[in-house]
Amino acid sequence: MKTMKIAVTNVPPEHAKTIATTLVTEQVAACVNMYPIRSVYRWKGEVCEDDEVTLMMKVSAEGVAQLQARLQQLHPYELMEFLVLDIDAQGSLAEYIEFVRASTRV
């Protein structure tokens, strides 16, 4: 069964809209949801705290590599977060999965 994935990354607030719009315009992602968050993390031995925006990107299963490559070009961080989540295709709305697949180039 053909399916989709959800990819997640965090970006600085000033980059979120541009990255999301670029990914959808270029049909690398079908949809990008933006969630403002506050992150606490350890980086290079120090505890850091920053405002970020979580991007939840919907993509065809076959388009994950293309999404990752394009996001690496756009992302401002030295080490970007890129996590890919599986979707329960049988439990999900088939028409929405088809929308995601039809809205991406891969």
PDB file of N, CA and C in Angstrom:
ATOM      1  N   MET A   1       0.835  -1.189   0.000  1.00  0.00           N
ATOM      2  CA  MET A   1       0.000   0.000   0.000  1.00  0.00           C
ATOM      3  C   MET A   1       0.878   1.251   0.000  1.00  0.00           C
ATOM      4  N   LYS A   2       0.614   2.162  -0.896  1.00  0.00           N
ATOM      5  CA  LYS A   2       1.355   3.416  -0.942  1.00  0.00           C
ATOM      6  C   LYS A   2       0.946   4.266   0.242  1.00  0.00           C
ATOM      7  N   THR A   3       1.925   4.935   0.832  1.00  0.00           N
ATOM      8  CA  THR A   3       1.626   5.690   2.042  1.00  0.00           C
ATOM      9  C   THR A   3       2.400   6.991   2.093  1.00  0.00           C
ATOM     10  N   MET A   4       2.330   7.630   3.213  1.00  0.00           N
ATOM     11  CA  MET A   4       3.000   8.904   3.439  1.00  0.00           C
ATOM     12  C   MET A   4       3.770   8.837   4.745  1.00  0.00           C
ATOM     13  N   LYS A   5       4.558   9.853   4.988  1.00  0.00           N
ATOM     14  CA  LYS A   5       5.319   9.989   6.226  1.00  0.00           C
ATOM     15  C   LYS A   5       5.102  11.401   6.761  1.00  0.00           C
ATOM     16  N   ILE A   6       5.426  11.579   8.027  1.00  0.00           N
ATOM     17  CA  ILE A   6       5.494  12.911   8.620  1.00  0.00           C
ATOM     18  C   ILE A   6       6.933  13.118   9.050  1.00  0.00           C
ATOM     19  N   ALA A   7       7.525  14.213   8.597  1.00  0.00           N
ATOM     20  CA  ALA A   7       8.880  14.578   8.995  1.00  0.00           C
ATOM     21  C   ALA A   7       8.791  15.803   9.901  1.00  0.00           C
ATOM     22  N   VAL A   8       9.669  15.844  10.887  1.00  0.00           N
ATOM     23  CA  VAL A   8       9.645  16.923  11.870  1.00  0.00           C
ATOM     24  C   VAL A   8      11.022  17.553  11.972  1.00  0.00           C
ATOM     25  N   THR A   9      11.031  18.880  12.054  1.00  0.00           N
ATOM     26  CA  THR A   9      12.260  19.626  12.318  1.00  0.00           C
ATOM     27  C   THR A   9      11.907  20.857  13.126  1.00  0.00           C
ATOM     28  N   ASN A  10      12.907  21.468  13.746  1.00  0.00           N
ATOM     29  CA  ASN A  10      12.734  22.746  14.441  1.00  0.00           C
ATOM     30  C   ASN A  10      13.631  23.778  13.786  1.00  0.00           C
ATOM     31  N   VAL A  11      13.107  24.999  13.671  1.00  0.00           N
ATOM     32  CA  VAL A  11      13.848  26.092  13.034  1.00  0.00           C
ATOM     33  C   VAL A  11      13.667  27.374  13.844  1.00  0.00           C
ATOM     34  N   PRO A  12      14.561  28.351  13.661  1.00  0.00           N
ATOM     35  CA  PRO A  12      14.338  29.651  14.298  1.00  0.00           C
ATOM     36  C   PRO A  12      13.060  30.283  13.743  1.00  0.00           C
ATOM     37  N   PRO A  13      12.322  31.010  14.567  1.00  0.00           N
ATOM     38  CA  PRO A  13      11.053  31.599  14.121  1.00  0.00           C
ATOM     39  C   PRO A  13      11.166  32.433  12.844  1.00  0.00           C
ATOM     40  N   GLU A  14      12.250  33.133  12.675  1.00  0.00           N
ATOM     41  CA  GLU A  14      12.402  34.005  11.506  1.00  0.00           C
ATOM     42  C   GLU A  14      12.604  33.239  10.194  1.00  0.00           C
ATOM     43  N   HIS A  15      12.865  31.939  10.267  1.00  0.00           N
ATOM     44  CA  HIS A  15      13.047  31.120   9.066  1.00  0.00           C
ATOM     45  C   HIS A  15      11.838  30.232   8.738  1.00  0.00           C
ATOM     46  N   ALA A  16      10.938  30.066   9.686  1.00  0.00           N
ATOM     47  CA  ALA A  16       9.870  29.063   9.564  1.00  0.00           C
ATOM     48  C   ALA A  16       8.988  29.264   8.338  1.00  0.00           C
ATOM     49  N   LYS A  17       8.442  30.451   8.158  1.00  0.00           N
ATOM     50  CA  LYS A  17       7.500  30.678   7.057  1.00  0.00           C
ATOM     51  C   LYS A  17       8.171  30.509   5.706  1.00  0.00           C
ATOM     52  N   THR A  18       9.377  31.016   5.551  1.00  0.00           N
ATOM     53  CA  THR A  18      10.091  30.902   4.276  1.00  0.00           C
ATOM     54  C   THR A  18      10.369  29.450   3.932  1.00  0.00           C
ATOM     55  N   ILE A  19      10.848  28.676   4.903  1.00  0.00           N
ATOM     56  CA  ILE A  19      11.145  27.260   4.658  1.00  0.00           C
ATOM     57  C   ILE A  19       9.862  26.506   4.328  1.00  0.00           C
ATOM     58  N   ALA A  20       8.811  26.716   5.112  1.00  0.00           N
ATOM     59  CA  ALA A  20       7.545  26.010   4.877  1.00  0.00           C
ATOM     60  C   ALA A  20       6.986  26.340   3.498  1.00  0.00           C
ATOM     61  N   THR A  21       6.962  27.605   3.154  1.00  0.00           N
ATOM     62  CA  THR A  21       6.424  28.031   1.859  1.00  0.00           C
ATOM     63  C   THR A  21       7.249  27.475   0.706  1.00  0.00           C
ATOM     64  N   THR A  22       8.558  27.470   0.842  1.00  0.00           N
ATOM     65  CA  THR A  22       9.437  26.940  -0.207  1.00  0.00           C
ATOM     66  C   THR A  22       9.176  25.455  -0.426  1.00  0.00           C
ATOM     67  N   LEU A  23       9.076  24.678   0.653  1.00  0.00           N
ATOM     68  CA  LEU A  23       8.862  23.235   0.525  1.00  0.00           C
ATOM     69  C   LEU A  23       7.534  22.911  -0.145  1.00  0.00           C
ATOM     70  N   VAL A  24       6.495  23.665   0.179  1.00  0.00           N
ATOM     71  CA  VAL A  24       5.183  23.428  -0.429  1.00  0.00           C
ATOM     72  C   VAL A  24       5.159  23.938  -1.867  1.00  0.00           C
ATOM     73  N   THR A  25       5.718  25.109  -2.117  1.00  0.00           N
ATOM     74  CA  THR A  25       5.753  25.671  -3.473  1.00  0.00           C
ATOM     75  C   THR A  25       6.495  24.746  -4.435  1.00  0.00           C
ATOM     76  N   GLU A  26       7.606  24.193  -3.969  1.00  0.00           N
ATOM     77  CA  GLU A  26       8.413  23.294  -4.802  1.00  0.00           C
ATOM     78  C   GLU A  26       7.858  21.867  -4.828  1.00  0.00           C
ATOM     79  N   GLN A  27       6.763  21.622  -4.153  1.00  0.00           N
ATOM     80  CA  GLN A  27       6.103  20.317  -4.064  1.00  0.00           C
ATOM     81  C   GLN A  27       7.003  19.237  -3.469  1.00  0.00           C
ATOM     82  N   VAL A  28       7.857  19.654  -2.555  1.00  0.00           N
ATOM     83  CA  VAL A  28       8.690  18.708  -1.809  1.00  0.00           C
ATOM     84  C   VAL A  28       7.894  18.173  -0.620  1.00  0.00           C
ATOM     85  N   ALA A  29       7.019  19.015  -0.073  1.00  0.00           N
ATOM     86  CA  ALA A  29       6.082  18.615   0.984  1.00  0.00           C
ATOM     87  C   ALA A  29       4.687  19.032   0.544  1.00  0.00           C
ATOM     88  N   ALA A  30       3.701  18.248   0.930  1.00  0.00           N
ATOM     89  CA  ALA A  30       2.318  18.576   0.569  1.00  0.00           C
ATOM     90  C   ALA A  30       1.753  19.640   1.493  1.00  0.00           C
ATOM     91  N   CYS A  31       2.188  19.628   2.738  1.00  0.00           N
ATOM     92  CA  CYS A  31       1.654  20.529   3.757  1.00  0.00           C
ATOM     93  C   CYS A  31       2.706  20.649   4.845  1.00  0.00           C
ATOM     94  N   VAL A  32       2.819  21.832   5.425  1.00  0.00           N
ATOM     95  CA  VAL A  32       3.719  22.040   6.559  1.00  0.00           C
ATOM     96  C   VAL A  32       2.945  22.776   7.642  1.00  0.00           C
ATOM     97  N   ASN A  33       2.847  22.169   8.816  1.00  0.00           N
ATOM     98  CA  ASN A  33       2.242  22.829   9.972  1.00  0.00           C
ATOM     99  C   ASN A  33       3.353  23.457  10.799  1.00  0.00           C
ATOM    100  N   MET A  34       3.094  24.656  11.338  1.00  0.00           N
ATOM    101  CA  MET A  34       4.094  25.385  12.121  1.00  0.00           C
ATOM    102  C   MET A  34       3.580  25.576  13.548  1.00  0.00           C
ATOM    103  N   TYR A  35       4.382  25.127  14.512  1.00  0.00           N
ATOM    104  CA  TYR A  35       4.024  25.207  15.925  1.00  0.00           C
ATOM    105  C   TYR A  35       5.105  25.968  16.687  1.00  0.00           C
ATOM    106  N   PRO A  36       4.787  27.133  17.267  1.00  0.00           N
ATOM    107  CA  PRO A  36       5.795  27.831  18.075  1.00  0.00           C
ATOM    108  C   PRO A  36       6.051  27.058  19.367  1.00  0.00           C
ATOM    109  N   ILE A  37       7.328  26.921  19.713  1.00  0.00           N
ATOM    110  CA  ILE A  37       7.715  26.164  20.915  1.00  0.00           C
ATOM    111  C   ILE A  37       8.873  26.871  21.616  1.00  0.00           C
ATOM    112  N   ARG A  38       9.184  26.420  22.806  1.00  0.00           N
ATOM    113  CA  ARG A  38      10.378  26.844  23.542  1.00  0.00           C
ATOM    114  C   ARG A  38      11.186  25.589  23.802  1.00  0.00           C
ATOM    115  N   SER A  39      12.415  25.529  23.320  1.00  0.00           N
ATOM    116  CA  SER A  39      13.247  24.330  23.439  1.00  0.00           C
ATOM    117  C   SER A  39      14.362  24.535  24.462  1.00  0.00           C
ATOM    118  N   VAL A  40      14.594  23.509  25.262  1.00  0.00           N
ATOM    119  CA  VAL A  40      15.739  23.448  26.165  1.00  0.00           C
ATOM    120  C   VAL A  40      16.535  22.224  25.741  1.00  0.00           C
ATOM    121  N   TYR A  41      17.820  22.411  25.480  1.00  0.00           N
ATOM    122  CA  TYR A  41      18.638  21.323  24.942  1.00  0.00           C
ATOM    123  C   TYR A  41      20.102  21.546  25.315  1.00  0.00           C
ATOM    124  N   ARG A  42      20.881  20.489  25.197  1.00  0.00           N
ATOM    125  CA  ARG A  42      22.319  20.586  25.431  1.00  0.00           C
ATOM    126  C   ARG A  42      23.016  20.645  24.069  1.00  0.00           C
ATOM    127  N   TRP A  43      23.880  21.638  23.889  1.00  0.00           N
ATOM    128  CA  TRP A  43      24.615  21.781  22.636  1.00  0.00           C
ATOM    129  C   TRP A  43      26.035  22.202  22.952  1.00  0.00           C
ATOM    130  N   LYS A  44      26.992  21.408  22.511  1.00  0.00           N
ATOM    131  CA  LYS A  44      28.416  21.671  22.709  1.00  0.00           C
ATOM    132  C   LYS A  44      28.740  21.919  24.186  1.00  0.00           C
ATOM    133  N   GLY A  45      28.153  21.071  25.053  1.00  0.00           N
ATOM    134  CA  GLY A  45      28.458  21.107  26.467  1.00  0.00           C
ATOM    135  C   GLY A  45      27.697  22.137  27.282  1.00  0.00           C
ATOM    136  N   GLU A  46      26.838  22.914  26.645  1.00  0.00           N
ATOM    137  CA  GLU A  46      26.082  23.934  27.373  1.00  0.00           C
ATOM    138  C   GLU A  46      24.586  23.676  27.248  1.00  0.00           C
ATOM    139  N   VAL A  47      23.850  24.028  28.304  1.00  0.00           N
ATOM    140  CA  VAL A  47      22.401  23.960  28.251  1.00  0.00           C
ATOM    141  C   VAL A  47      21.903  25.257  27.629  1.00  0.00           C
ATOM    142  N   CYS A  48      21.102  25.121  26.574  1.00  0.00           N
ATOM    143  CA  CYS A  48      20.592  26.269  25.828  1.00  0.00           C
ATOM    144  C   CYS A  48      19.077  26.297  25.903  1.00  0.00           C
ATOM    145  N   GLU A  49      18.512  27.469  25.717  1.00  0.00           N
ATOM    146  CA  GLU A  49      17.062  27.625  25.690  1.00  0.00           C
ATOM    147  C   GLU A  49      16.731  28.654  24.615  1.00  0.00           C
ATOM    148  N   ASP A  50      15.852  28.252  23.664  1.00  0.00           N
ATOM    149  CA  ASP A  50      15.541  29.126  22.534  1.00  0.00           C
ATOM    150  C   ASP A  50      14.088  28.994  22.113  1.00  0.00           C
ATOM    151  N   ASP A  51      13.563  30.068  21.558  1.00  0.00           N
ATOM    152  CA  ASP A  51      12.290  29.994  20.852  1.00  0.00           C
ATOM    153  C   ASP A  51      12.552  29.354  19.507  1.00  0.00           C
ATOM    154  N   GLU A  52      11.700  28.425  19.121  1.00  0.00           N
ATOM    155  CA  GLU A  52      11.807  27.762  17.829  1.00  0.00           C
ATOM    156  C   GLU A  52      10.405  27.553  17.275  1.00  0.00           C
ATOM    157  N   VAL A  53      10.351  27.090  16.044  1.00  0.00           N
ATOM    158  CA  VAL A  53       9.099  26.681  15.426  1.00  0.00           C
ATOM    159  C   VAL A  53       9.287  25.247  14.954  1.00  0.00           C
ATOM    160  N   THR A  54       8.391  24.365  15.380  1.00  0.00           N
ATOM    161  CA  THR A  54       8.402  22.988  14.893  1.00  0.00           C
ATOM    162  C   THR A  54       7.670  22.956  13.564  1.00  0.00           C
ATOM    163  N   LEU A  55       8.309  22.400  12.554  1.00  0.00           N
ATOM    164  CA  LEU A  55       7.686  22.190  11.251  1.00  0.00           C
ATOM    165  C   LEU A  55       7.300  20.719  11.154  1.00  0.00           C
ATOM    166  N   MET A  56       6.018  20.447  10.974  1.00  0.00           N
ATOM    167  CA  MET A  56       5.527  19.092  10.763  1.00  0.00           C
ATOM    168  C   MET A  56       5.178  18.994   9.283  1.00  0.00           C
ATOM    169  N   MET A  57       5.978  18.231   8.545  1.00  0.00           N
ATOM    170  CA  MET A  57       5.899  18.196   7.086  1.00  0.00           C
ATOM    171  C   MET A  57       5.306  16.877   6.612  1.00  0.00           C
ATOM    172  N   LYS A  58       4.266  16.954   5.779  1.00  0.00           N
ATOM    173  CA  LYS A  58       3.652  15.758   5.215  1.00  0.00           C
ATOM    174  C   LYS A  58       4.260  15.503   3.845  1.00  0.00           C
ATOM    175  N   VAL A  59       4.677  14.257   3.619  1.00  0.00           N
ATOM    176  CA  VAL A  59       5.402  13.908   2.402  1.00  0.00           C
ATOM    177  C   VAL A  59       5.069  12.470   2.009  1.00  0.00           C
ATOM    178  N   SER A  60       5.134  12.170   0.721  1.00  0.00           N
ATOM    179  CA  SER A  60       4.973  10.782   0.289  1.00  0.00           C
ATOM    180  C   SER A  60       6.150   9.973   0.827  1.00  0.00           C
ATOM    181  N   ALA A  61       5.929   8.705   1.060  1.00  0.00           N
ATOM    182  CA  ALA A  61       7.001   7.849   1.584  1.00  0.00           C
ATOM    183  C   ALA A  61       8.218   7.891   0.660  1.00  0.00           C
ATOM    184  N   GLU A  62       7.977   7.945  -0.633  1.00  0.00           N
ATOM    185  CA  GLU A  62       9.078   7.962  -1.603  1.00  0.00           C
ATOM    186  C   GLU A  62       9.803   9.312  -1.648  1.00  0.00           C
ATOM    187  N   GLY A  63       9.202  10.351  -1.116  1.00  0.00           N
ATOM    188  CA  GLY A  63       9.771  11.691  -1.187  1.00  0.00           C
ATOM    189  C   GLY A  63      10.592  12.112   0.012  1.00  0.00           C
ATOM    190  N   VAL A  64      10.784  11.222   0.980  1.00  0.00           N
ATOM    191  CA  VAL A  64      11.501  11.578   2.206  1.00  0.00           C
ATOM    192  C   VAL A  64      12.936  12.015   1.916  1.00  0.00           C
ATOM    193  N   ALA A  65      13.657  11.291   1.093  1.00  0.00           N
ATOM    194  CA  ALA A  65      15.056  11.635   0.803  1.00  0.00           C
ATOM    195  C   ALA A  65      15.150  13.003   0.127  1.00  0.00           C
ATOM    196  N   GLN A  66      14.239  13.275  -0.791  1.00  0.00           N
ATOM    197  CA  GLN A  66      14.220  14.573  -1.465  1.00  0.00           C
ATOM    198  C   GLN A  66      13.925  15.690  -0.465  1.00  0.00           C
ATOM    199  N   LEU A  67      12.986  15.461   0.448  1.00  0.00           N
ATOM    200  CA  LEU A  67      12.662  16.445   1.478  1.00  0.00           C
ATOM    201  C   LEU A  67      13.872  16.699   2.363  1.00  0.00           C
ATOM    202  N   GLN A  68      14.521  15.653   2.793  1.00  0.00           N
ATOM    203  CA  GLN A  68      15.694  15.819   3.653  1.00  0.00           C
ATOM    204  C   GLN A  68      16.784  16.617   2.943  1.00  0.00           C
ATOM    205  N   ALA A  69      17.051  16.296   1.689  1.00  0.00           N
ATOM    206  CA  ALA A  69      18.092  17.000   0.936  1.00  0.00           C
ATOM    207  C   ALA A  69      17.761  18.486   0.769  1.00  0.00           C
ATOM    208  N   ARG A  70      16.516  18.782   0.428  1.00  0.00           N
ATOM    209  CA  ARG A  70      16.125  20.187   0.231  1.00  0.00           C
ATOM    210  C   ARG A  70      16.134  20.941   1.552  1.00  0.00           C
ATOM    211  N   LEU A  71      15.680  20.305   2.611  1.00  0.00           N
ATOM    212  CA  LEU A  71      15.673  20.951   3.915  1.00  0.00           C
ATOM    213  C   LEU A  71      17.092  21.252   4.384  1.00  0.00           C
ATOM    214  N   GLN A  72      18.027  20.377   4.092  1.00  0.00           N
ATOM    215  CA  GLN A  72      19.418  20.640   4.454  1.00  0.00           C
ATOM    216  C   GLN A  72      19.956  21.879   3.751  1.00  0.00           C
ATOM    217  N   GLN A  73      19.481  22.155   2.548  1.00  0.00           N
ATOM    218  CA  GLN A  73      19.889  23.365   1.824  1.00  0.00           C
ATOM    219  C   GLN A  73      19.297  24.621   2.455  1.00  0.00           C
ATOM    220  N   LEU A  74      18.096  24.515   2.995  1.00  0.00           N
ATOM    221  CA  LEU A  74      17.375  25.674   3.524  1.00  0.00           C
ATOM    222  C   LEU A  74      17.616  25.931   5.007  1.00  0.00           C
ATOM    223  N   HIS A  75      17.947  24.900   5.746  1.00  0.00           N
ATOM    224  CA  HIS A  75      17.993  24.957   7.209  1.00  0.00           C
ATOM    225  C   HIS A  75      19.226  25.721   7.699  1.00  0.00           C
ATOM    226  N   PRO A  76      19.052  26.623   8.673  1.00  0.00           N
ATOM    227  CA  PRO A  76      20.192  27.430   9.127  1.00  0.00           C
ATOM    228  C   PRO A  76      21.058  26.774  10.201  1.00  0.00           C
ATOM    229  N   TYR A  77      20.621  25.673  10.810  1.00  0.00           N
ATOM    230  CA  TYR A  77      21.381  25.090  11.916  1.00  0.00           C
ATOM    231  C   TYR A  77      22.566  24.264  11.423  1.00  0.00           C
ATOM    232  N   GLU A  78      23.606  24.217  12.244  1.00  0.00           N
ATOM    233  CA  GLU A  78      24.774  23.382  11.969  1.00  0.00           C
ATOM    234  C   GLU A  78      24.366  21.907  11.929  1.00  0.00           C
ATOM    235  N   LEU A  79      23.506  21.503  12.853  1.00  0.00           N
ATOM    236  CA  LEU A  79      22.975  20.138  12.897  1.00  0.00           C
ATOM    237  C   LEU A  79      21.457  20.241  12.998  1.00  0.00           C
ATOM    238  N   MET A  80      20.777  19.974  11.898  1.00  0.00           N
ATOM    239  CA  MET A  80      19.317  20.084  11.930  1.00  0.00           C
ATOM    240  C   MET A  80      18.696  18.809  12.463  1.00  0.00           C
ATOM    241  N   GLU A  81      17.604  18.981  13.154  1.00  0.00           N
ATOM    242  CA  GLU A  81      16.792  17.840  13.561  1.00  0.00           C
ATOM    243  C   GLU A  81      15.985  17.405  12.341  1.00  0.00           C
ATOM    244  N   PHE A  82      15.944  16.110  12.071  1.00  0.00           N
ATOM    245  CA  PHE A  82      15.110  15.577  10.988  1.00  0.00           C
ATOM    246  C   PHE A  82      14.673  14.191  11.415  1.00  0.00           C
ATOM    247  N   LEU A  83      13.433  14.099  11.870  1.00  0.00           N
ATOM    248  CA  LEU A  83      12.866  12.833  12.327  1.00  0.00           C
ATOM    249  C   LEU A  83      11.709  12.470  11.412  1.00  0.00           C
ATOM    250  N   VAL A  84      11.628  11.209  11.037  1.00  0.00           N
ATOM    251  CA  VAL A  84      10.575  10.740  10.140  1.00  0.00           C
ATOM    252  C   VAL A  84       9.690   9.761  10.906  1.00  0.00           C
ATOM    253  N   LEU A  85       8.384  10.044  10.883  1.00  0.00           N
ATOM    254  CA  LEU A  85       7.413   9.235  11.607  1.00  0.00           C
ATOM    255  C   LEU A  85       6.582   8.425  10.627  1.00  0.00           C
ATOM    256  N   ASP A  86       6.355   7.171  10.967  1.00  0.00           N
ATOM    257  CA  ASP A  86       5.504   6.321  10.145  1.00  0.00           C
ATOM    258  C   ASP A  86       4.038   6.676  10.352  1.00  0.00           C
ATOM    259  N   ILE A  87       3.235   6.442   9.328  1.00  0.00           N
ATOM    260  CA  ILE A  87       1.798   6.662   9.364  1.00  0.00           C
ATOM    261  C   ILE A  87       1.105   5.309   9.276  1.00  0.00           C
ATOM    262  N   ASP A  88       0.079   5.119  10.073  1.00  0.00           N
ATOM    263  CA  ASP A  88      -0.750   3.917   9.999  1.00  0.00           C
ATOM    264  C   ASP A  88      -1.695   4.099   8.809  1.00  0.00           C
ATOM    265  N   ALA A  89      -1.309   3.599   7.658  1.00  0.00           N
ATOM    266  CA  ALA A  89      -2.084   3.799   6.425  1.00  0.00           C
ATOM    267  C   ALA A  89      -3.464   3.162   6.517  1.00  0.00           C
ATOM    268  N   GLN A  90      -3.583   2.031   7.184  1.00  0.00           N
ATOM    269  CA  GLN A  90      -4.882   1.362   7.282  1.00  0.00           C
ATOM    270  C   GLN A  90      -5.842   2.127   8.190  1.00  0.00           C
ATOM    271  N   GLY A  91      -5.315   2.770   9.220  1.00  0.00           N
ATOM    272  CA  GLY A  91      -6.155   3.517  10.135  1.00  0.00           C
ATOM    273  C   GLY A  91      -6.391   4.961   9.724  1.00  0.00           C
ATOM    274  N   SER A  92      -5.627   5.435   8.753  1.00  0.00           N
ATOM    275  CA  SER A  92      -5.723   6.826   8.310  1.00  0.00           C
ATOM    276  C   SER A  92      -6.719   6.962   7.167  1.00  0.00           C
ATOM    277  N   LEU A  93      -7.156   8.177   6.928  1.00  0.00           N
ATOM    278  CA  LEU A  93      -8.082   8.454   5.835  1.00  0.00           C
ATOM    279  C   LEU A  93      -7.346   8.319   4.506  1.00  0.00           C
ATOM    280  N   ALA A  94      -7.737   7.361   3.702  1.00  0.00           N
ATOM    281  CA  ALA A  94      -7.061   7.072   2.428  1.00  0.00           C
ATOM    282  C   ALA A  94      -7.054   8.286   1.502  1.00  0.00           C
ATOM    283  N   GLU A  95      -8.118   9.055   1.508  1.00  0.00           N
ATOM    284  CA  GLU A  95      -8.194  10.230   0.630  1.00  0.00           C
ATOM    285  C   GLU A  95      -7.160  11.288   1.016  1.00  0.00           C
ATOM    286  N   TYR A  96      -6.869  11.404   2.313  1.00  0.00           N
ATOM    287  CA  TYR A  96      -5.853  12.374   2.729  1.00  0.00           C
ATOM    288  C   TYR A  96      -4.465  11.897   2.314  1.00  0.00           C
ATOM    289  N   ILE A  97      -4.204  10.625   2.481  1.00  0.00           N
ATOM    290  CA  ILE A  97      -2.909  10.081   2.041  1.00  0.00           C
ATOM    291  C   ILE A  97      -2.742  10.303   0.547  1.00  0.00           C
ATOM    292  N   GLU A  98      -3.779  10.105  -0.226  1.00  0.00           N
ATOM    293  CA  GLU A  98      -3.709  10.334  -1.669  1.00  0.00           C
ATOM    294  C   GLU A  98      -3.465  11.813  -1.972  1.00  0.00           C
ATOM    295  N   PHE A  99      -4.096  12.711  -1.215  1.00  0.00           N
ATOM    296  CA  PHE A  99      -3.855  14.154  -1.365  1.00  0.00           C
ATOM    297  C   PHE A  99      -2.373  14.470  -1.181  1.00  0.00           C
ATOM    298  N   VAL A 100      -1.762  13.921  -0.124  1.00  0.00           N
ATOM    299  CA  VAL A 100      -0.343  14.163   0.148  1.00  0.00           C
ATOM    300  C   VAL A 100       0.499  13.644  -1.009  1.00  0.00           C
ATOM    301  N   ARG A 101       0.219  12.448  -1.454  1.00  0.00           N
ATOM    302  CA  ARG A 101       0.996  11.848  -2.539  1.00  0.00           C
ATOM    303  C   ARG A 101       0.831  12.643  -3.838  1.00  0.00           C
ATOM    304  N   ALA A 102      -0.382  13.114  -4.122  1.00  0.00           N
ATOM    305  CA  ALA A 102      -0.636  13.877  -5.344  1.00  0.00           C
ATOM    306  C   ALA A 102      -0.041  15.281  -5.291  1.00  0.00           C
ATOM    307  N   SER A 103       0.202  15.787  -4.084  1.00  0.00           N
ATOM    308  CA  SER A 103       0.678  17.158  -3.912  1.00  0.00           C
ATOM    309  C   SER A 103       2.190  17.270  -3.891  1.00  0.00           C
ATOM    310  N   THR A 104       2.888  16.138  -3.981  1.00  0.00           N
ATOM    311  CA  THR A 104       4.347  16.150  -4.004  1.00  0.00           C
ATOM    312  C   THR A 104       4.845  15.580  -5.319  1.00  0.00           C
ATOM    313  N   ARG A 105       6.040  16.016  -5.700  1.00  0.00           N
ATOM    314  CA  ARG A 105       6.584  15.616  -7.009  1.00  0.00           C
ATOM    315  C   ARG A 105       7.065  14.185  -7.059  1.00  0.00           C
ATOM    316  N   VAL A 106       7.354  13.585  -5.927  1.00  0.00           N
ATOM    317  CA  VAL A 106       7.873  12.197  -5.919  1.00  0.00           C
ATOM    318  C   VAL A 106       6.764  11.256  -5.528  1.00  0.00           C
TER     319      VAL A 106
END
